[in-house]
Amino acid sequence: MNAQEVQRRIEAGMPGARVVVRSDDDTHFEALVVAPQFAGKRAIARHQLVYATLGHAVGREIHALSIDALTPEEWSTRGGQG
């Protein structure tokens, strides 16, 4: 599993999301996910949506995943584009 595969899985499971995934070792990952599906949801629910896209890979090929889960409005407020 590499960062591109993690990114592809999240994008496939969350249509319309903007996703950037980084990893230095292909087992520990950092993901920025900007998605309208997060609107009105608390952080834990947002993370659960992301984890659901990765299925059983979490805890196996993916040993650790740090998630920054934002709505498009929150991303824009932080200075992100679009």
C-alpha atoms as a PDB file:
ATOM      1  CA  MET A   1       0.000   0.000   0.000  1.00  0.00           C
ATOM      2  CA  ASN A   2       1.350   3.417  -0.890  1.00  0.00           C
ATOM      3  CA  ALA A   3       0.092   6.981  -0.564  1.00  0.00           C
ATOM      4  CA  GLN A   4      -1.364   7.008  -4.081  1.00  0.00           C
ATOM      5  CA  GLU A   5      -3.403   3.854  -3.414  1.00  0.00           C
ATOM      6  CA  VAL A   6      -4.725   5.240  -0.118  1.00  0.00           C
ATOM      7  CA  GLN A   7      -5.655   8.460  -1.910  1.00  0.00           C
ATOM      8  CA  ARG A   8      -7.366   6.552  -4.723  1.00  0.00           C
ATOM      9  CA  ARG A   9      -9.440   4.505  -2.256  1.00  0.00           C
ATOM     10  CA  ILE A  10     -10.575   7.563  -0.318  1.00  0.00           C
ATOM     11  CA  GLU A  11     -11.496   9.397  -3.539  1.00  0.00           C
ATOM     12  CA  ALA A  12     -13.427   6.365  -4.812  1.00  0.00           C
ATOM     13  CA  GLY A  13     -15.366   6.090  -1.566  1.00  0.00           C
ATOM     14  CA  MET A  14     -16.046   9.800  -1.208  1.00  0.00           C
ATOM     15  CA  PRO A  15     -17.022  11.203  -4.616  1.00  0.00           C
ATOM     16  CA  GLY A  16     -16.208  14.880  -4.989  1.00  0.00           C
ATOM     17  CA  ALA A  17     -13.649  14.906  -2.171  1.00  0.00           C
ATOM     18  CA  ARG A  18     -10.257  16.562  -2.542  1.00  0.00           C
ATOM     19  CA  VAL A  19      -7.662  14.226  -1.091  1.00  0.00           C
ATOM     20  CA  VAL A  20      -3.928  14.516  -0.483  1.00  0.00           C
ATOM     21  CA  VAL A  21      -2.102  11.623   1.170  1.00  0.00           C
ATOM     22  CA  ARG A  22       1.530  11.540   2.246  1.00  0.00           C
ATOM     23  CA  SER A  23       3.725   8.797   3.650  1.00  0.00           C
ATOM     24  CA  ASP A  24       7.425   8.401   4.308  1.00  0.00           C
ATOM     25  CA  ASP A  25       7.310   4.627   4.798  1.00  0.00           C
ATOM     26  CA  ASP A  26       4.102   3.300   3.144  1.00  0.00           C
ATOM     27  CA  THR A  27       2.666   2.183   6.492  1.00  0.00           C
ATOM     28  CA  HIS A  28       2.145   5.502   8.319  1.00  0.00           C
ATOM     29  CA  PHE A  29       0.007   8.003   6.413  1.00  0.00           C
ATOM     30  CA  GLU A  30      -1.230  11.575   6.685  1.00  0.00           C
ATOM     31  CA  ALA A  31      -4.398  12.466   4.803  1.00  0.00           C
ATOM     32  CA  LEU A  32      -6.020  15.804   4.093  1.00  0.00           C
ATOM     33  CA  VAL A  33      -9.600  15.195   3.016  1.00  0.00           C
ATOM     34  CA  VAL A  34     -11.845  18.089   2.005  1.00  0.00           C
ATOM     35  CA  ALA A  35     -15.373  16.873   1.391  1.00  0.00           C
ATOM     36  CA  PRO A  36     -18.907  18.229   1.496  1.00  0.00           C
ATOM     37  CA  GLN A  37     -19.963  14.957   3.169  1.00  0.00           C
ATOM     38  CA  PHE A  38     -18.384  16.259   6.399  1.00  0.00           C
ATOM     39  CA  ALA A  39     -20.876  19.124   6.808  1.00  0.00           C
ATOM     40  CA  GLY A  40     -22.621  18.973  10.177  1.00  0.00           C
ATOM     41  CA  LYS A  41     -20.516  16.046  11.405  1.00  0.00           C
ATOM     42  CA  ARG A  42     -18.183  15.905  14.389  1.00  0.00           C
ATOM     43  CA  ALA A  43     -14.540  14.914  13.974  1.00  0.00           C
ATOM     44  CA  ILE A  44     -15.106  11.275  14.938  1.00  0.00           C
ATOM     45  CA  ALA A  45     -17.895  10.847  12.365  1.00  0.00           C
ATOM     46  CA  ARG A  46     -15.691  12.460   9.717  1.00  0.00           C
ATOM     47  CA  HIS A  47     -12.852  10.064  10.501  1.00  0.00           C
ATOM     48  CA  GLN A  48     -15.236   7.103  10.400  1.00  0.00           C
ATOM     49  CA  LEU A  49     -16.292   8.112   6.877  1.00  0.00           C
ATOM     50  CA  VAL A  50     -12.663   8.114   5.782  1.00  0.00           C
ATOM     51  CA  TYR A  51     -11.857   4.819   7.530  1.00  0.00           C
ATOM     52  CA  ALA A  52     -14.872   3.207   5.841  1.00  0.00           C
ATOM     53  CA  THR A  53     -13.320   3.905   2.427  1.00  0.00           C
ATOM     54  CA  LEU A  54     -10.193   1.964   3.400  1.00  0.00           C
ATOM     55  CA  GLY A  55     -11.858  -1.113   4.856  1.00  0.00           C
ATOM     56  CA  HIS A  56      -9.625  -3.844   6.271  1.00  0.00           C
ATOM     57  CA  ALA A  57      -6.437  -2.117   5.094  1.00  0.00           C
ATOM     58  CA  VAL A  58      -6.550  -0.060   8.302  1.00  0.00           C
ATOM     59  CA  GLY A  59      -4.623  -2.021  10.896  1.00  0.00           C
ATOM     60  CA  ARG A  60      -3.006  -4.180   8.248  1.00  0.00           C
ATOM     61  CA  GLU A  61      -1.216  -2.390   5.396  1.00  0.00           C
ATOM     62  CA  ILE A  62      -2.074   0.944   7.010  1.00  0.00           C
ATOM     63  CA  HIS A  63      -0.554   0.927  10.492  1.00  0.00           C
ATOM     64  CA  ALA A  64      -1.345   4.562  11.269  1.00  0.00           C
ATOM     65  CA  LEU A  65      -3.462   7.220   9.586  1.00  0.00           C
ATOM     66  CA  SER A  66      -3.571  10.858  10.628  1.00  0.00           C
ATOM     67  CA  ILE A  67      -6.627  12.580   9.134  1.00  0.00           C
ATOM     68  CA  ASP A  68      -7.380  16.263   8.683  1.00  0.00           C
ATOM     69  CA  ALA A  69     -11.046  16.181   7.620  1.00  0.00           C
ATOM     70  CA  LEU A  70     -12.554  19.494   6.531  1.00  0.00           C
ATOM     71  CA  THR A  71     -15.600  20.779   4.705  1.00  0.00           C
ATOM     72  CA  PRO A  72     -14.880  22.942   1.649  1.00  0.00           C
ATOM     73  CA  GLU A  73     -15.902  25.997   3.693  1.00  0.00           C
ATOM     74  CA  GLU A  74     -13.471  25.130   6.499  1.00  0.00           C
ATOM     75  CA  TRP A  75     -10.709  24.546   3.950  1.00  0.00           C
ATOM     76  CA  SER A  76     -11.408  27.914   2.375  1.00  0.00           C
ATOM     77  CA  THR A  77     -11.302  29.596   5.795  1.00  0.00           C
ATOM     78  CA  ARG A  78      -7.856  28.070   6.384  1.00  0.00           C
ATOM     79  CA  GLY A  79      -6.651  29.589   3.155  1.00  0.00           C
ATOM     80  CA  GLY A  80      -7.103  26.579   0.889  1.00  0.00           C
ATOM     81  CA  GLN A  81      -8.147  26.914  -2.710  1.00  0.00           C
ATOM     82  CA  GLY A  82     -11.722  26.152  -3.781  1.00  0.00           C
END
